[in-house]
Amino acid sequence: MTAIGIAVALMSCEGKQGAPGATGPQGPAGTNGLNGNANVLTQTWNIPSWNNNGSIYYVNLSDINVTSAIQSMGTVEAFLSTDAGTTWRALPFTQYVSGSSNYFMDYYTTVGNVQITWTQNSPGLGSDPNTYYSATCQIKDVCIAGSIMKQHPKTNWKDYGQVQAILEAQKANNN
């Protein structure tokens, strides 16, 4: 009788524990997080000086946002500004100089790093980008998750204006 009484008493308790798999009431709302977007991350650097190995100028930019997932399923885009961030030019590009020389700016990514390179196709090393543009160059890299690329299939990821529009729209959604 005692075992049956305990079982009946336990089954008649209310509010302590629901049936397995039952959904309980909604809990209180959490605090708001920081505004931003974990799927499109940007970082901007001022490049006061460039390394040079005798044939190219380069700079290595350490960015923890360049993950193996971004490398394999998303993309990293890089942009150059020579006017303090007013305009951004997509890399890679070729800068034609009168005569027979061209400058080429490109970038390469590995997990955790973006390397920007600047080369000239004519004899001699030429100038570093800061000297050539008479300004401290700024580089912006944009790490874009594959899921965002799928959500915006018509976006030209080489056009910083289009990338910025997505960043601003997602920032507004996080407010």
C-alpha atoms as a PDB file:
ATOM      1  CA  MET A   1       0.000   0.000   0.000  1.00  0.00           C
ATOM      2  CA  THR A   2       2.822   2.391   0.755  1.00  0.00           C
ATOM      3  CA  ALA A   3       4.371   2.045  -2.735  1.00  0.00           C
ATOM      4  CA  ILE A   4       0.985   2.693  -4.404  1.00  0.00           C
ATOM      5  CA  GLY A   5       0.389   5.718  -2.190  1.00  0.00           C
ATOM      6  CA  ILE A   6       3.750   7.239  -3.117  1.00  0.00           C
ATOM      7  CA  ALA A   7       3.137   6.644  -6.823  1.00  0.00           C
ATOM      8  CA  VAL A   8      -0.310   8.276  -6.644  1.00  0.00           C
ATOM      9  CA  ALA A   9       1.100  11.210  -4.704  1.00  0.00           C
ATOM     10  CA  LEU A  10       3.881  11.761  -7.248  1.00  0.00           C
ATOM     11  CA  MET A  11       1.499  11.581 -10.225  1.00  0.00           C
ATOM     12  CA  SER A  12      -0.849  14.145  -8.714  1.00  0.00           C
ATOM     13  CA  CYS A  13       1.847  16.859  -8.347  1.00  0.00           C
ATOM     14  CA  GLU A  14       1.261  19.815 -10.685  1.00  0.00           C
ATOM     15  CA  GLY A  15       3.631  22.382 -12.103  1.00  0.00           C
ATOM     16  CA  LYS A  16       6.912  20.753 -11.171  1.00  0.00           C
ATOM     17  CA  GLN A  17       7.609  18.613 -14.198  1.00  0.00           C
ATOM     18  CA  GLY A  18       5.605  18.076 -17.378  1.00  0.00           C
ATOM     19  CA  ALA A  19       5.299  14.950 -19.421  1.00  0.00           C
ATOM     20  CA  PRO A  20       8.390  13.982 -21.387  1.00  0.00           C
ATOM     21  CA  GLY A  21       8.596  16.067 -24.571  1.00  0.00           C
ATOM     22  CA  ALA A  22       6.057  18.645 -23.360  1.00  0.00           C
ATOM     23  CA  THR A  23       6.769  22.320 -24.058  1.00  0.00           C
ATOM     24  CA  GLY A  24       6.774  24.580 -21.029  1.00  0.00           C
ATOM     25  CA  PRO A  25       5.794  28.246 -20.866  1.00  0.00           C
ATOM     26  CA  GLN A  26       7.879  30.920 -22.671  1.00  0.00           C
ATOM     27  CA  GLY A  27      10.730  32.220 -20.546  1.00  0.00           C
ATOM     28  CA  PRO A  28      11.614  35.910 -20.138  1.00  0.00           C
ATOM     29  CA  ALA A  29      13.237  37.732 -23.072  1.00  0.00           C
ATOM     30  CA  GLY A  30      17.023  37.925 -23.016  1.00  0.00           C
ATOM     31  CA  THR A  31      19.027  41.114 -23.240  1.00  0.00           C
ATOM     32  CA  ASN A  32      19.755  42.597 -26.650  1.00  0.00           C
ATOM     33  CA  GLY A  33      23.096  41.668 -28.189  1.00  0.00           C
ATOM     34  CA  LEU A  34      25.514  43.967 -29.968  1.00  0.00           C
ATOM     35  CA  ASN A  35      24.435  45.343 -33.304  1.00  0.00           C
ATOM     36  CA  GLY A  36      26.235  43.751 -36.196  1.00  0.00           C
ATOM     37  CA  ASN A  37      26.254  40.746 -38.442  1.00  0.00           C
ATOM     38  CA  ALA A  38      28.123  37.552 -37.762  1.00  0.00           C
ATOM     39  CA  ASN A  39      27.754  36.516 -41.405  1.00  0.00           C
ATOM     40  CA  VAL A  40      29.432  39.530 -43.071  1.00  0.00           C
ATOM     41  CA  LEU A  41      32.442  40.833 -41.178  1.00  0.00           C
ATOM     42  CA  THR A  42      34.664  43.709 -42.244  1.00  0.00           C
ATOM     43  CA  GLN A  43      37.990  44.981 -41.064  1.00  0.00           C
ATOM     44  CA  THR A  44      39.842  48.093 -42.251  1.00  0.00           C
ATOM     45  CA  TRP A  45      43.558  48.811 -41.982  1.00  0.00           C
ATOM     46  CA  ASN A  46      45.656  51.905 -42.604  1.00  0.00           C
ATOM     47  CA  ILE A  47      48.860  50.744 -44.312  1.00  0.00           C
ATOM     48  CA  PRO A  48      51.591  53.271 -43.385  1.00  0.00           C
ATOM     49  CA  SER A  49      54.380  51.175 -44.950  1.00  0.00           C
ATOM     50  CA  TRP A  50      54.722  48.195 -47.271  1.00  0.00           C
ATOM     51  CA  ASN A  51      57.166  45.293 -47.124  1.00  0.00           C
ATOM     52  CA  ASN A  52      59.218  44.626 -50.228  1.00  0.00           C
ATOM     53  CA  ASN A  53      60.980  41.485 -51.337  1.00  0.00           C
ATOM     54  CA  GLY A  54      62.770  42.965 -54.359  1.00  0.00           C
ATOM     55  CA  SER A  55      60.053  42.302 -56.910  1.00  0.00           C
ATOM     56  CA  ILE A  56      56.790  43.091 -55.123  1.00  0.00           C
ATOM     57  CA  TYR A  57      55.457  45.230 -52.325  1.00  0.00           C
ATOM     58  CA  TYR A  58      53.176  43.410 -49.935  1.00  0.00           C
ATOM     59  CA  VAL A  59      51.460  43.535 -46.572  1.00  0.00           C
ATOM     60  CA  ASN A  60      50.088  40.677 -44.468  1.00  0.00           C
ATOM     61  CA  LEU A  61      46.904  41.463 -42.558  1.00  0.00           C
ATOM     62  CA  SER A  62      46.001  39.161 -39.694  1.00  0.00           C
ATOM     63  CA  ASP A  63      42.221  38.658 -39.595  1.00  0.00           C
ATOM     64  CA  ILE A  64      40.635  35.988 -37.397  1.00  0.00           C
ATOM     65  CA  ASN A  65      37.428  36.337 -39.442  1.00  0.00           C
ATOM     66  CA  VAL A  66      39.099  34.518 -42.353  1.00  0.00           C
ATOM     67  CA  THR A  67      38.114  31.052 -41.170  1.00  0.00           C
ATOM     68  CA  SER A  68      38.259  27.702 -42.913  1.00  0.00           C
ATOM     69  CA  ALA A  69      34.442  27.889 -43.329  1.00  0.00           C
ATOM     70  CA  ILE A  70      34.754  31.279 -45.073  1.00  0.00           C
ATOM     71  CA  GLN A  71      37.577  29.876 -47.221  1.00  0.00           C
ATOM     72  CA  SER A  72      35.610  26.787 -48.277  1.00  0.00           C
ATOM     73  CA  MET A  73      31.955  27.947 -48.423  1.00  0.00           C
ATOM     74  CA  GLY A  74      32.051  31.754 -48.454  1.00  0.00           C
ATOM     75  CA  THR A  75      34.368  34.391 -49.809  1.00  0.00           C
ATOM     76  CA  VAL A  76      36.799  37.107 -48.805  1.00  0.00           C
ATOM     77  CA  GLU A  77      36.733  40.302 -50.843  1.00  0.00           C
ATOM     78  CA  ALA A  78      39.369  43.031 -50.551  1.00  0.00           C
ATOM     79  CA  PHE A  79      39.108  46.729 -51.388  1.00  0.00           C
ATOM     80  CA  LEU A  80      41.570  49.655 -51.601  1.00  0.00           C
ATOM     81  CA  SER A  81      40.942  53.260 -50.652  1.00  0.00           C
ATOM     82  CA  THR A  82      43.388  56.092 -51.329  1.00  0.00           C
ATOM     83  CA  ASP A  83      41.040  58.873 -50.160  1.00  0.00           C
ATOM     84  CA  ALA A  84      40.543  58.057 -46.455  1.00  0.00           C
ATOM     85  CA  GLY A  85      37.680  55.630 -47.072  1.00  0.00           C
ATOM     86  CA  THR A  86      35.488  57.838 -49.255  1.00  0.00           C
ATOM     87  CA  THR A  87      35.678  55.398 -52.168  1.00  0.00           C
ATOM     88  CA  TRP A  88      36.664  51.733 -52.316  1.00  0.00           C
ATOM     89  CA  ARG A  89      38.130  49.949 -55.349  1.00  0.00           C
ATOM     90  CA  ALA A  90      37.816  46.158 -55.592  1.00  0.00           C
ATOM     91  CA  LEU A  91      40.933  44.052 -55.828  1.00  0.00           C
ATOM     92  CA  PRO A  92      42.399  42.689 -58.000  1.00  0.00           C
ATOM     93  CA  PHE A  93      42.944  45.521 -60.465  1.00  0.00           C
ATOM     94  CA  THR A  94      45.488  46.878 -62.919  1.00  0.00           C
ATOM     95  CA  GLN A  95      46.595  50.520 -62.827  1.00  0.00           C
ATOM     96  CA  TYR A  96      47.743  51.583 -66.293  1.00  0.00           C
ATOM     97  CA  VAL A  97      50.602  54.072 -66.358  1.00  0.00           C
ATOM     98  CA  SER A  98      51.470  55.983 -69.533  1.00  0.00           C
ATOM     99  CA  GLY A  99      54.116  54.204 -71.515  1.00  0.00           C
ATOM    100  CA  SER A 100      54.574  50.498 -71.120  1.00  0.00           C
ATOM    101  CA  SER A 101      54.191  49.872 -67.394  1.00  0.00           C
ATOM    102  CA  ASN A 102      51.257  48.677 -65.372  1.00  0.00           C
ATOM    103  CA  TYR A 103      50.823  48.180 -61.663  1.00  0.00           C
ATOM    104  CA  PHE A 104      48.886  45.171 -60.424  1.00  0.00           C
ATOM    105  CA  MET A 105      47.262  44.946 -57.006  1.00  0.00           C
ATOM    106  CA  ASP A 106      45.954  41.580 -55.899  1.00  0.00           C
ATOM    107  CA  TYR A 107      45.248  39.634 -52.722  1.00  0.00           C
ATOM    108  CA  TYR A 108      45.556  36.116 -51.401  1.00  0.00           C
ATOM    109  CA  THR A 109      43.918  34.560 -48.379  1.00  0.00           C
ATOM    110  CA  THR A 110      44.769  31.801 -45.981  1.00  0.00           C
ATOM    111  CA  VAL A 111      43.023  31.010 -42.722  1.00  0.00           C
ATOM    112  CA  GLY A 112      43.618  34.019 -40.471  1.00  0.00           C
ATOM    113  CA  ASN A 113      45.468  36.114 -43.064  1.00  0.00           C
ATOM    114  CA  VAL A 114      44.970  38.361 -46.079  1.00  0.00           C
ATOM    115  CA  GLN A 115      48.053  39.243 -48.130  1.00  0.00           C
ATOM    116  CA  ILE A 116      47.878  42.280 -50.414  1.00  0.00           C
ATOM    117  CA  THR A 117      50.465  42.451 -53.234  1.00  0.00           C
ATOM    118  CA  TRP A 118      51.498  45.326 -55.533  1.00  0.00           C
ATOM    119  CA  THR A 119      53.733  44.669 -58.536  1.00  0.00           C
ATOM    120  CA  GLN A 120      54.916  46.545 -61.606  1.00  0.00           C
ATOM    121  CA  ASN A 121      55.438  44.872 -64.985  1.00  0.00           C
ATOM    122  CA  SER A 122      58.195  47.165 -66.256  1.00  0.00           C
ATOM    123  CA  PRO A 123      61.913  47.048 -65.393  1.00  0.00           C
ATOM    124  CA  GLY A 124      62.795  48.327 -61.954  1.00  0.00           C
ATOM    125  CA  LEU A 125      60.800  48.007 -58.794  1.00  0.00           C
ATOM    126  CA  GLY A 126      58.763  51.175 -59.031  1.00  0.00           C
ATOM    127  CA  SER A 127      56.996  52.795 -56.102  1.00  0.00           C
ATOM    128  CA  ASP A 128      55.096  51.388 -53.180  1.00  0.00           C
ATOM    129  CA  PRO A 129      51.340  52.140 -53.287  1.00  0.00           C
ATOM    130  CA  ASN A 130      51.537  54.949 -50.704  1.00  0.00           C
ATOM    131  CA  THR A 131      54.136  56.765 -52.808  1.00  0.00           C
ATOM    132  CA  TYR A 132      52.316  56.070 -56.060  1.00  0.00           C
ATOM    133  CA  TYR A 133      48.979  57.396 -54.745  1.00  0.00           C
ATOM    134  CA  SER A 134      50.527  60.115 -52.521  1.00  0.00           C
ATOM    135  CA  ALA A 135      48.376  58.851 -49.666  1.00  0.00           C
ATOM    136  CA  THR A 136      48.345  56.251 -46.929  1.00  0.00           C
ATOM    137  CA  CYS A 137      46.438  53.358 -48.437  1.00  0.00           C
ATOM    138  CA  GLN A 138      43.576  51.745 -46.606  1.00  0.00           C
ATOM    139  CA  ILE A 139      42.627  48.127 -47.167  1.00  0.00           C
ATOM    140  CA  LYS A 140      39.247  46.703 -46.230  1.00  0.00           C
ATOM    141  CA  ASP A 141      38.579  43.000 -46.250  1.00  0.00           C
ATOM    142  CA  VAL A 142      35.054  41.626 -46.148  1.00  0.00           C
ATOM    143  CA  CYS A 143      34.450  38.028 -45.027  1.00  0.00           C
ATOM    144  CA  ILE A 144      31.102  36.783 -46.357  1.00  0.00           C
ATOM    145  CA  ALA A 145      29.509  33.538 -45.185  1.00  0.00           C
ATOM    146  CA  GLY A 146      28.172  31.189 -47.838  1.00  0.00           C
ATOM    147  CA  SER A 147      24.663  31.458 -46.346  1.00  0.00           C
ATOM    148  CA  ILE A 148      24.612  35.218 -47.031  1.00  0.00           C
ATOM    149  CA  MET A 149      25.815  34.675 -50.586  1.00  0.00           C
ATOM    150  CA  LYS A 150      22.886  32.270 -51.125  1.00  0.00           C
ATOM    151  CA  GLN A 151      20.415  34.801 -49.657  1.00  0.00           C
ATOM    152  CA  HIS A 152      21.674  37.502 -52.050  1.00  0.00           C
ATOM    153  CA  PRO A 153      22.527  35.658 -55.281  1.00  0.00           C
ATOM    154  CA  LYS A 154      22.441  38.771 -57.494  1.00  0.00           C
ATOM    155  CA  THR A 155      24.866  40.787 -55.382  1.00  0.00           C
ATOM    156  CA  ASN A 156      28.097  41.874 -57.045  1.00  0.00           C
ATOM    157  CA  TRP A 157      30.471  41.157 -54.147  1.00  0.00           C
ATOM    158  CA  LYS A 158      33.207  43.157 -55.935  1.00  0.00           C
ATOM    159  CA  ASP A 159      31.069  46.323 -55.649  1.00  0.00           C
ATOM    160  CA  TYR A 160      31.572  47.700 -52.142  1.00  0.00           C
ATOM    161  CA  GLY A 161      28.392  49.805 -52.489  1.00  0.00           C
ATOM    162  CA  GLN A 162      26.316  46.619 -52.852  1.00  0.00           C
ATOM    163  CA  VAL A 163      28.168  44.901 -49.996  1.00  0.00           C
ATOM    164  CA  GLN A 164      27.674  47.977 -47.802  1.00  0.00           C
ATOM    165  CA  ALA A 165      23.918  47.987 -48.562  1.00  0.00           C
ATOM    166  CA  ILE A 166      23.643  44.414 -47.254  1.00  0.00           C
ATOM    167  CA  LEU A 167      25.691  45.315 -44.177  1.00  0.00           C
ATOM    168  CA  GLU A 168      23.442  48.315 -43.438  1.00  0.00           C
ATOM    169  CA  ALA A 169      20.225  46.327 -43.985  1.00  0.00           C
ATOM    170  CA  GLN A 170      21.365  43.586 -41.644  1.00  0.00           C
ATOM    171  CA  LYS A 171      22.536  46.124 -39.070  1.00  0.00           C
ATOM    172  CA  ALA A 172      19.061  47.724 -39.147  1.00  0.00           C
ATOM    173  CA  ASN A 173      17.472  44.286 -38.626  1.00  0.00           C
ATOM    174  CA  ASN A 174      19.587  43.766 -35.518  1.00  0.00           C
ATOM    175  CA  ASN A 175      18.408  46.968 -33.819  1.00  0.00           C
END
